[in-house]
Amino acid sequence: MTFFKTTLYYGALVSLLLTSFVSSANPPKEIFWEDLIPKNHVQIDTQAQANHEGSDQNWIQPDLDAPVVKELNGQSVSLPGFVVPLEGDSEVITEFLLVPYFGACIHVPPPPPNQIVHVTIKGGVPIDSLYDAIVVTGVISTQAWSGEIAQVGYKMKAVGVAPFEL
């Protein structure tokens, strides 16, 4: 095993152990992307409209005023999704956007802010492939965040990241 793969392996193992420890102390609530949309809000389906043609209209983030679910603020949760890296190095990332489908914010326009979570994880975590879905566990907040890529409706301080399994 190469040094890089060994480091990734042990990093993933530590992340899984942290997730197990956190879940045994106070089990996180398992949530999904539809749980981030308030019950009476009609959400725009951006995934179906996205294309890879690159027109200017296609790259505009829709529904910038999309509301968040205030009741989630401060809760320990687990949420599956895909990574859009923001900070890190060739081995680990320390800051990323978690999005509901592959390519959001990179190949297609960002979804509405209530469908993006800005994640930070102390010490970083290895991500083997941006094509693979992961599950992030941590404390979510309804604090907005804005960067060059997108406006975001939620933030999370992650304590663990694991591969998504059906």
N, C-alpha and C. Protein backbone atom coordinates (compact mmCIF):
# COMPACT_ATOMS: atom_id res chain seq x y z
N MET A 1 0.85 -1.17 0.00
CA MET A 1 0.00 0.00 0.00
C MET A 1 0.90 1.24 0.00
N THR A 2 0.60 2.20 -0.85
CA THR A 2 1.40 3.41 -0.90
C THR A 2 1.13 4.27 0.33
N PHE A 3 2.02 5.20 0.58
CA PHE A 3 1.86 6.11 1.73
C PHE A 3 0.53 6.86 1.63
N PHE A 4 0.21 7.34 0.43
CA PHE A 4 -1.03 8.11 0.25
C PHE A 4 -2.26 7.25 0.56
N LYS A 5 -2.30 6.03 0.03
CA LYS A 5 -3.45 5.15 0.28
C LYS A 5 -3.52 4.74 1.75
N THR A 6 -2.36 4.51 2.38
CA THR A 6 -2.34 4.17 3.79
C THR A 6 -2.90 5.32 4.62
N THR A 7 -2.47 6.53 4.29
CA THR A 7 -2.96 7.72 4.99
C THR A 7 -4.46 7.87 4.81
N LEU A 8 -4.95 7.68 3.58
CA LEU A 8 -6.39 7.76 3.32
C LEU A 8 -7.14 6.69 4.11
N TYR A 9 -6.60 5.49 4.13
CA TYR A 9 -7.24 4.38 4.84
C TYR A 9 -7.37 4.71 6.32
N TYR A 10 -6.26 5.11 6.94
CA TYR A 10 -6.30 5.40 8.38
C TYR A 10 -7.14 6.63 8.68
N GLY A 11 -7.12 7.61 7.78
CA GLY A 11 -7.98 8.79 7.97
C GLY A 11 -9.45 8.42 7.94
N ALA A 12 -9.82 7.57 7.00
CA ALA A 12 -11.21 7.12 6.90
C ALA A 12 -11.60 6.30 8.13
N LEU A 13 -10.67 5.47 8.60
CA LEU A 13 -10.94 4.66 9.79
C LEU A 13 -11.17 5.54 11.01
N VAL A 14 -10.35 6.57 11.18
CA VAL A 14 -10.53 7.51 12.29
C VAL A 14 -11.87 8.22 12.17
N SER A 15 -12.24 8.64 10.95
CA SER A 15 -13.53 9.29 10.74
C SER A 15 -14.69 8.38 11.12
N LEU A 16 -14.60 7.11 10.72
CA LEU A 16 -15.66 6.16 11.06
C LEU A 16 -15.74 5.93 12.57
N LEU A 17 -14.57 5.86 13.22
CA LEU A 17 -14.57 5.69 14.67
C LEU A 17 -15.18 6.90 15.37
N LEU A 18 -14.84 8.10 14.89
CA LEU A 18 -15.43 9.31 15.46
C LEU A 18 -16.93 9.31 15.27
N THR A 19 -17.38 8.94 14.08
CA THR A 19 -18.81 8.89 13.81
C THR A 19 -19.48 7.88 14.74
N SER A 20 -18.85 6.72 14.95
CA SER A 20 -19.41 5.71 15.84
C SER A 20 -19.48 6.22 17.27
N PHE A 21 -18.43 6.91 17.72
CA PHE A 21 -18.41 7.45 19.08
C PHE A 21 -19.51 8.48 19.27
N VAL A 22 -19.63 9.40 18.32
CA VAL A 22 -20.66 10.43 18.42
C VAL A 22 -22.04 9.80 18.40
N SER A 23 -22.25 8.81 17.52
CA SER A 23 -23.58 8.22 17.42
C SER A 23 -23.94 7.41 18.65
N SER A 24 -22.97 6.83 19.35
CA SER A 24 -23.30 6.08 20.55
C SER A 24 -23.59 7.00 21.72
N ALA A 25 -22.95 8.18 21.75
CA ALA A 25 -23.18 9.12 22.84
C ALA A 25 -24.52 9.84 22.66
N ASN A 26 -24.79 10.30 21.48
CA ASN A 26 -26.02 11.03 21.18
C ASN A 26 -26.32 10.77 19.70
N PRO A 27 -27.14 9.79 19.40
CA PRO A 27 -27.34 9.41 18.00
C PRO A 27 -27.84 10.59 17.16
N PRO A 28 -27.17 10.84 16.03
CA PRO A 28 -27.63 11.93 15.16
C PRO A 28 -28.94 11.56 14.47
N LYS A 29 -29.69 12.58 14.15
CA LYS A 29 -30.93 12.39 13.40
C LYS A 29 -30.56 12.22 11.93
N GLU A 30 -31.02 11.14 11.31
CA GLU A 30 -30.76 10.91 9.90
C GLU A 30 -31.73 11.77 9.09
N ILE A 31 -31.19 12.68 8.30
CA ILE A 31 -32.04 13.54 7.48
C ILE A 31 -31.66 13.39 6.01
N PHE A 32 -32.57 13.85 5.16
CA PHE A 32 -32.35 13.82 3.72
C PHE A 32 -32.64 15.20 3.17
N TRP A 33 -32.36 15.41 1.90
CA TRP A 33 -32.43 16.75 1.31
C TRP A 33 -33.82 17.36 1.40
N GLU A 34 -34.85 16.56 1.28
CA GLU A 34 -36.21 17.11 1.37
C GLU A 34 -36.50 17.63 2.78
N ASP A 35 -35.77 17.14 3.79
CA ASP A 35 -35.95 17.63 5.16
C ASP A 35 -35.41 19.04 5.35
N LEU A 36 -34.61 19.52 4.40
CA LEU A 36 -34.05 20.88 4.48
C LEU A 36 -34.98 21.92 3.87
N ILE A 37 -36.10 21.48 3.34
CA ILE A 37 -37.08 22.38 2.71
C ILE A 37 -38.29 22.48 3.63
N PRO A 38 -38.69 23.70 4.02
CA PRO A 38 -39.89 23.85 4.87
C PRO A 38 -41.10 23.20 4.20
N LYS A 39 -41.99 22.66 5.02
CA LYS A 39 -43.16 21.89 4.55
C LYS A 39 -44.01 22.62 3.51
N ASN A 40 -44.27 23.90 3.68
CA ASN A 40 -45.17 24.62 2.78
C ASN A 40 -44.47 25.36 1.64
N HIS A 41 -43.17 25.16 1.51
CA HIS A 41 -42.42 25.85 0.45
C HIS A 41 -42.41 24.99 -0.82
N VAL A 42 -42.74 25.60 -1.94
CA VAL A 42 -42.68 24.90 -3.23
C VAL A 42 -41.27 25.10 -3.78
N GLN A 43 -40.51 24.02 -3.82
CA GLN A 43 -39.11 24.08 -4.24
C GLN A 43 -38.98 23.94 -5.75
N ILE A 44 -38.09 24.70 -6.35
CA ILE A 44 -37.78 24.60 -7.77
C ILE A 44 -36.89 23.37 -7.98
N ASP A 45 -37.21 22.52 -8.94
CA ASP A 45 -36.41 21.34 -9.24
C ASP A 45 -35.29 21.73 -10.20
N THR A 46 -34.13 22.04 -9.65
CA THR A 46 -33.02 22.50 -10.48
C THR A 46 -32.25 21.36 -11.12
N GLN A 47 -32.26 20.19 -10.52
CA GLN A 47 -31.52 19.07 -11.09
C GLN A 47 -32.07 18.68 -12.45
N ALA A 48 -33.38 18.66 -12.59
CA ALA A 48 -34.00 18.28 -13.86
C ALA A 48 -33.75 19.33 -14.95
N GLN A 49 -33.59 20.60 -14.55
CA GLN A 49 -33.40 21.67 -15.52
C GLN A 49 -31.95 21.86 -15.93
N ALA A 50 -31.02 21.35 -15.14
CA ALA A 50 -29.61 21.59 -15.39
C ALA A 50 -29.15 20.88 -16.66
N ASN A 51 -28.28 21.58 -17.41
CA ASN A 51 -27.65 20.95 -18.56
C ASN A 51 -26.19 21.36 -18.60
N HIS A 52 -25.42 20.76 -19.45
CA HIS A 52 -23.99 21.00 -19.52
C HIS A 52 -23.60 21.87 -20.71
N GLU A 53 -24.54 22.60 -21.27
CA GLU A 53 -24.28 23.39 -22.46
C GLU A 53 -23.50 24.68 -22.16
N GLY A 54 -23.56 25.15 -20.91
CA GLY A 54 -22.77 26.31 -20.53
C GLY A 54 -23.40 27.65 -20.83
N SER A 55 -24.68 27.71 -21.13
CA SER A 55 -25.31 29.00 -21.36
C SER A 55 -25.30 29.80 -20.07
N ASP A 56 -25.24 31.13 -20.17
CA ASP A 56 -25.20 31.99 -18.99
C ASP A 56 -26.40 31.75 -18.09
N GLN A 57 -27.57 31.57 -18.66
CA GLN A 57 -28.78 31.34 -17.87
C GLN A 57 -28.67 30.07 -17.03
N ASN A 58 -27.98 29.07 -17.55
CA ASN A 58 -27.84 27.80 -16.86
C ASN A 58 -26.99 27.92 -15.60
N TRP A 59 -26.17 28.96 -15.47
CA TRP A 59 -25.24 29.07 -14.34
C TRP A 59 -25.73 30.01 -13.25
N ILE A 60 -26.95 30.47 -13.33
CA ILE A 60 -27.50 31.35 -12.32
C ILE A 60 -28.14 30.51 -11.22
N GLN A 61 -27.76 30.77 -9.97
CA GLN A 61 -28.35 30.02 -8.85
C GLN A 61 -29.79 30.47 -8.64
N PRO A 62 -30.73 29.53 -8.66
CA PRO A 62 -32.14 29.89 -8.52
C PRO A 62 -32.58 30.06 -7.07
N ASP A 63 -33.69 30.73 -6.89
CA ASP A 63 -34.42 30.80 -5.62
C ASP A 63 -33.51 31.19 -4.45
N LEU A 64 -32.82 32.32 -4.59
CA LEU A 64 -31.87 32.76 -3.56
C LEU A 64 -32.54 33.04 -2.22
N ASP A 65 -33.85 33.22 -2.21
CA ASP A 65 -34.59 33.46 -0.97
C ASP A 65 -35.23 32.18 -0.41
N ALA A 66 -34.80 31.03 -0.88
CA ALA A 66 -35.39 29.76 -0.42
C ALA A 66 -35.23 29.65 1.10
N PRO A 67 -36.32 29.42 1.81
CA PRO A 67 -36.26 29.37 3.28
C PRO A 67 -35.62 28.09 3.80
N VAL A 68 -35.10 28.16 5.02
CA VAL A 68 -34.52 27.00 5.69
C VAL A 68 -35.47 26.52 6.78
N VAL A 69 -35.21 25.34 7.29
CA VAL A 69 -36.01 24.76 8.38
C VAL A 69 -35.32 25.15 9.70
N LYS A 70 -35.85 26.16 10.35
CA LYS A 70 -35.24 26.71 11.58
C LYS A 70 -35.13 25.66 12.69
N GLU A 71 -36.05 24.69 12.72
CA GLU A 71 -36.05 23.66 13.77
C GLU A 71 -34.80 22.77 13.72
N LEU A 72 -34.11 22.76 12.60
CA LEU A 72 -32.89 21.94 12.50
C LEU A 72 -31.70 22.59 13.19
N ASN A 73 -31.78 23.89 13.45
CA ASN A 73 -30.65 24.63 14.02
C ASN A 73 -30.16 23.99 15.32
N GLY A 74 -28.87 23.65 15.35
CA GLY A 74 -28.25 23.10 16.54
C GLY A 74 -28.41 21.60 16.72
N GLN A 75 -29.06 20.92 15.79
CA GLN A 75 -29.28 19.48 15.91
C GLN A 75 -28.08 18.69 15.38
N SER A 76 -27.85 17.54 16.00
CA SER A 76 -26.86 16.59 15.50
C SER A 76 -27.54 15.75 14.43
N VAL A 77 -26.98 15.78 13.20
CA VAL A 77 -27.61 15.11 12.08
C VAL A 77 -26.59 14.35 11.24
N SER A 78 -27.10 13.44 10.42
CA SER A 78 -26.32 12.78 9.36
C SER A 78 -27.05 13.03 8.06
N LEU A 79 -26.30 13.48 7.04
CA LEU A 79 -26.88 13.84 5.75
C LEU A 79 -26.00 13.29 4.63
N PRO A 80 -26.58 12.52 3.70
CA PRO A 80 -25.79 12.05 2.56
C PRO A 80 -25.71 13.12 1.48
N GLY A 81 -24.68 13.05 0.65
CA GLY A 81 -24.55 14.00 -0.45
C GLY A 81 -23.23 13.86 -1.16
N PHE A 82 -22.93 14.86 -1.98
CA PHE A 82 -21.70 14.88 -2.77
C PHE A 82 -20.86 16.08 -2.38
N VAL A 83 -19.56 15.95 -2.54
CA VAL A 83 -18.60 16.96 -2.10
C VAL A 83 -18.23 17.93 -3.22
N VAL A 84 -18.20 19.21 -2.89
CA VAL A 84 -17.60 20.25 -3.72
C VAL A 84 -16.49 20.85 -2.86
N PRO A 85 -15.22 20.46 -3.09
CA PRO A 85 -14.13 20.90 -2.21
C PRO A 85 -13.91 22.41 -2.25
N LEU A 86 -13.61 23.00 -1.09
CA LEU A 86 -13.28 24.42 -1.00
C LEU A 86 -11.87 24.64 -0.45
N GLU A 87 -11.51 23.92 0.61
CA GLU A 87 -10.20 24.09 1.24
C GLU A 87 -9.61 22.72 1.56
N GLY A 88 -8.30 22.62 1.47
CA GLY A 88 -7.60 21.38 1.79
C GLY A 88 -6.36 21.24 0.94
N ASP A 89 -5.84 20.04 0.90
CA ASP A 89 -4.66 19.77 0.09
C ASP A 89 -4.88 18.47 -0.68
N SER A 90 -3.81 17.88 -1.18
CA SER A 90 -3.96 16.67 -2.00
C SER A 90 -4.37 15.45 -1.19
N GLU A 91 -4.29 15.53 0.14
CA GLU A 91 -4.62 14.38 0.97
C GLU A 91 -5.94 14.51 1.71
N VAL A 92 -6.27 15.68 2.21
CA VAL A 92 -7.50 15.86 2.99
C VAL A 92 -8.16 17.19 2.64
N ILE A 93 -9.46 17.26 2.88
CA ILE A 93 -10.17 18.53 2.74
C ILE A 93 -10.70 18.93 4.11
N THR A 94 -10.71 20.22 4.37
CA THR A 94 -11.15 20.74 5.66
C THR A 94 -12.43 21.56 5.54
N GLU A 95 -12.77 21.92 4.32
CA GLU A 95 -13.97 22.74 4.08
C GLU A 95 -14.54 22.36 2.72
N PHE A 96 -15.86 22.14 2.68
CA PHE A 96 -16.48 21.77 1.41
C PHE A 96 -17.96 22.09 1.44
N LEU A 97 -18.56 22.08 0.26
CA LEU A 97 -20.01 22.19 0.15
C LEU A 97 -20.55 20.78 -0.02
N LEU A 98 -21.61 20.48 0.70
CA LEU A 98 -22.31 19.21 0.53
C LEU A 98 -23.55 19.51 -0.29
N VAL A 99 -23.70 18.79 -1.40
CA VAL A 99 -24.80 19.04 -2.33
C VAL A 99 -25.57 17.75 -2.60
N PRO A 100 -26.83 17.85 -3.05
CA PRO A 100 -27.67 16.65 -3.18
C PRO A 100 -27.38 15.76 -4.38
N TYR A 101 -26.70 16.28 -5.39
CA TYR A 101 -26.42 15.46 -6.57
C TYR A 101 -25.06 15.81 -7.14
N PHE A 102 -24.47 14.82 -7.81
CA PHE A 102 -23.13 15.00 -8.38
C PHE A 102 -23.12 16.12 -9.41
N GLY A 103 -22.09 16.93 -9.36
CA GLY A 103 -21.89 17.99 -10.35
C GLY A 103 -22.49 19.33 -9.96
N ALA A 104 -23.34 19.37 -8.95
CA ALA A 104 -23.94 20.64 -8.53
C ALA A 104 -22.81 21.58 -8.12
N CYS A 105 -22.86 22.81 -8.61
CA CYS A 105 -21.88 23.86 -8.32
C CYS A 105 -20.60 23.73 -9.15
N ILE A 106 -20.37 22.58 -9.79
CA ILE A 106 -19.15 22.41 -10.59
C ILE A 106 -19.51 22.34 -12.07
N HIS A 107 -20.34 21.36 -12.43
CA HIS A 107 -20.69 21.14 -13.83
C HIS A 107 -22.05 21.74 -14.20
N VAL A 108 -22.86 21.96 -13.22
CA VAL A 108 -24.19 22.53 -13.42
C VAL A 108 -24.39 23.63 -12.38
N PRO A 109 -25.38 24.48 -12.54
CA PRO A 109 -25.55 25.57 -11.58
C PRO A 109 -25.87 25.06 -10.18
N PRO A 110 -25.57 25.89 -9.18
CA PRO A 110 -25.87 25.49 -7.80
C PRO A 110 -27.37 25.35 -7.59
N PRO A 111 -27.77 24.43 -6.72
CA PRO A 111 -29.18 24.36 -6.34
C PRO A 111 -29.53 25.56 -5.44
N PRO A 112 -30.78 25.72 -5.06
CA PRO A 112 -31.15 26.80 -4.14
C PRO A 112 -30.35 26.70 -2.83
N PRO A 113 -30.17 27.81 -2.14
CA PRO A 113 -29.37 27.80 -0.91
C PRO A 113 -29.81 26.78 0.14
N ASN A 114 -31.10 26.48 0.22
CA ASN A 114 -31.55 25.51 1.22
C ASN A 114 -31.27 24.06 0.81
N GLN A 115 -30.54 23.89 -0.29
CA GLN A 115 -30.13 22.57 -0.75
C GLN A 115 -28.61 22.45 -0.82
N ILE A 116 -27.92 23.32 -0.07
CA ILE A 116 -26.46 23.28 0.00
C ILE A 116 -26.07 23.47 1.47
N VAL A 117 -25.10 22.66 1.92
CA VAL A 117 -24.59 22.77 3.29
C VAL A 117 -23.10 23.06 3.22
N HIS A 118 -22.68 24.15 3.89
CA HIS A 118 -21.26 24.48 3.99
C HIS A 118 -20.70 23.70 5.19
N VAL A 119 -19.73 22.82 4.92
CA VAL A 119 -19.20 21.92 5.95
C VAL A 119 -17.75 22.25 6.26
N THR A 120 -17.43 22.28 7.56
CA THR A 120 -16.04 22.37 8.00
C THR A 120 -15.78 21.17 8.91
N ILE A 121 -14.57 20.63 8.82
CA ILE A 121 -14.20 19.50 9.67
C ILE A 121 -12.77 19.70 10.14
N LYS A 122 -12.63 19.80 11.45
CA LYS A 122 -11.32 20.04 12.06
C LYS A 122 -10.38 18.88 11.74
N GLY A 123 -9.20 19.20 11.27
CA GLY A 123 -8.22 18.17 10.94
C GLY A 123 -8.36 17.62 9.53
N GLY A 124 -9.49 17.86 8.93
CA GLY A 124 -9.72 17.40 7.56
C GLY A 124 -10.09 15.95 7.47
N VAL A 125 -10.48 15.56 6.27
CA VAL A 125 -10.89 14.19 6.00
C VAL A 125 -10.50 13.85 4.56
N PRO A 126 -10.02 12.61 4.32
CA PRO A 126 -9.72 12.23 2.94
C PRO A 126 -11.00 11.93 2.17
N ILE A 127 -11.04 12.34 0.94
CA ILE A 127 -12.15 12.02 0.04
C ILE A 127 -11.54 11.29 -1.15
N ASP A 128 -11.87 10.02 -1.30
CA ASP A 128 -11.28 9.21 -2.37
C ASP A 128 -11.70 9.67 -3.75
N SER A 129 -12.98 9.98 -3.91
CA SER A 129 -13.48 10.35 -5.23
C SER A 129 -14.66 11.30 -5.08
N LEU A 130 -14.66 12.36 -5.86
CA LEU A 130 -15.77 13.30 -5.84
C LEU A 130 -17.01 12.71 -6.50
N TYR A 131 -16.86 11.59 -7.18
CA TYR A 131 -17.99 10.92 -7.83
C TYR A 131 -18.81 10.10 -6.84
N ASP A 132 -18.24 9.80 -5.68
CA ASP A 132 -18.90 8.93 -4.71
C ASP A 132 -19.66 9.74 -3.67
N ALA A 133 -20.85 9.28 -3.33
CA ALA A 133 -21.64 9.92 -2.28
C ALA A 133 -21.05 9.57 -0.92
N ILE A 134 -21.19 10.51 0.02
CA ILE A 134 -20.73 10.32 1.39
C ILE A 134 -21.87 10.65 2.35
N VAL A 135 -21.67 10.35 3.61
CA VAL A 135 -22.60 10.77 4.67
C VAL A 135 -21.79 11.60 5.65
N VAL A 136 -22.26 12.80 5.93
CA VAL A 136 -21.59 13.69 6.86
C VAL A 136 -22.40 13.76 8.13
N THR A 137 -21.73 13.63 9.27
CA THR A 137 -22.37 13.70 10.57
C THR A 137 -21.79 14.90 11.32
N GLY A 138 -22.69 15.68 11.93
CA GLY A 138 -22.25 16.83 12.70
C GLY A 138 -23.42 17.67 13.16
N VAL A 139 -23.11 18.85 13.66
CA VAL A 139 -24.14 19.76 14.15
C VAL A 139 -24.44 20.77 13.04
N ILE A 140 -25.70 20.81 12.65
CA ILE A 140 -26.13 21.70 11.56
C ILE A 140 -26.65 23.01 12.14
N SER A 141 -26.44 24.09 11.40
CA SER A 141 -27.00 25.38 11.80
C SER A 141 -27.67 26.03 10.59
N THR A 142 -28.59 26.92 10.86
CA THR A 142 -29.30 27.62 9.79
C THR A 142 -28.61 28.94 9.47
N GLN A 143 -27.34 29.01 9.77
CA GLN A 143 -26.55 30.20 9.46
C GLN A 143 -26.19 30.19 7.97
N ALA A 144 -26.47 31.28 7.29
CA ALA A 144 -26.16 31.37 5.86
C ALA A 144 -24.66 31.55 5.65
N TRP A 145 -24.21 31.19 4.47
CA TRP A 145 -22.82 31.37 4.06
C TRP A 145 -22.83 31.71 2.59
N SER A 146 -21.89 32.55 2.18
CA SER A 146 -21.81 32.91 0.77
C SER A 146 -20.36 32.85 0.31
N GLY A 147 -20.14 32.24 -0.85
CA GLY A 147 -18.81 32.16 -1.43
C GLY A 147 -18.89 32.44 -2.91
N GLU A 148 -17.78 32.27 -3.60
CA GLU A 148 -17.74 32.53 -5.04
C GLU A 148 -18.65 31.58 -5.81
N ILE A 149 -18.82 30.37 -5.31
CA ILE A 149 -19.57 29.35 -6.04
C ILE A 149 -21.07 29.49 -5.84
N ALA A 150 -21.49 29.77 -4.59
CA ALA A 150 -22.93 29.76 -4.30
C ALA A 150 -23.25 30.43 -2.97
N GLN A 151 -24.53 30.75 -2.82
CA GLN A 151 -25.07 31.13 -1.52
C GLN A 151 -25.57 29.85 -0.88
N VAL A 152 -25.40 29.75 0.43
CA VAL A 152 -25.70 28.53 1.15
C VAL A 152 -26.64 28.83 2.31
N GLY A 153 -27.61 27.95 2.55
CA GLY A 153 -28.58 28.16 3.62
C GLY A 153 -28.22 27.51 4.94
N TYR A 154 -27.33 26.51 4.92
CA TYR A 154 -26.98 25.79 6.14
C TYR A 154 -25.46 25.68 6.28
N LYS A 155 -25.02 25.57 7.53
CA LYS A 155 -23.62 25.27 7.84
C LYS A 155 -23.59 24.05 8.74
N MET A 156 -22.49 23.30 8.69
CA MET A 156 -22.34 22.15 9.58
C MET A 156 -20.90 22.05 10.05
N LYS A 157 -20.75 21.83 11.35
CA LYS A 157 -19.44 21.47 11.92
C LYS A 157 -19.44 19.95 12.00
N ALA A 158 -18.72 19.35 11.08
CA ALA A 158 -18.72 17.88 10.96
C ALA A 158 -17.80 17.24 11.99
N VAL A 159 -18.21 16.06 12.44
CA VAL A 159 -17.37 15.25 13.32
C VAL A 159 -17.01 13.92 12.65
N GLY A 160 -17.66 13.63 11.54
CA GLY A 160 -17.37 12.40 10.84
C GLY A 160 -17.88 12.40 9.41
N VAL A 161 -17.18 11.67 8.58
CA VAL A 161 -17.55 11.49 7.17
C VAL A 161 -17.34 10.01 6.87
N ALA A 162 -18.32 9.42 6.20
CA ALA A 162 -18.23 8.00 5.84
C ALA A 162 -18.79 7.81 4.45
N PRO A 163 -18.41 6.74 3.76
CA PRO A 163 -18.99 6.45 2.45
C PRO A 163 -20.50 6.20 2.59
N PHE A 164 -21.26 6.62 1.61
CA PHE A 164 -22.71 6.38 1.60
C PHE A 164 -22.95 4.95 1.13
N GLU A 165 -23.80 4.24 1.85
CA GLU A 165 -24.17 2.88 1.45
C GLU A 165 -25.67 2.79 1.39
N LEU A 166 -26.17 2.15 0.33
CA LEU A 166 -27.62 1.97 0.18
C LEU A 166 -28.14 0.96 1.15
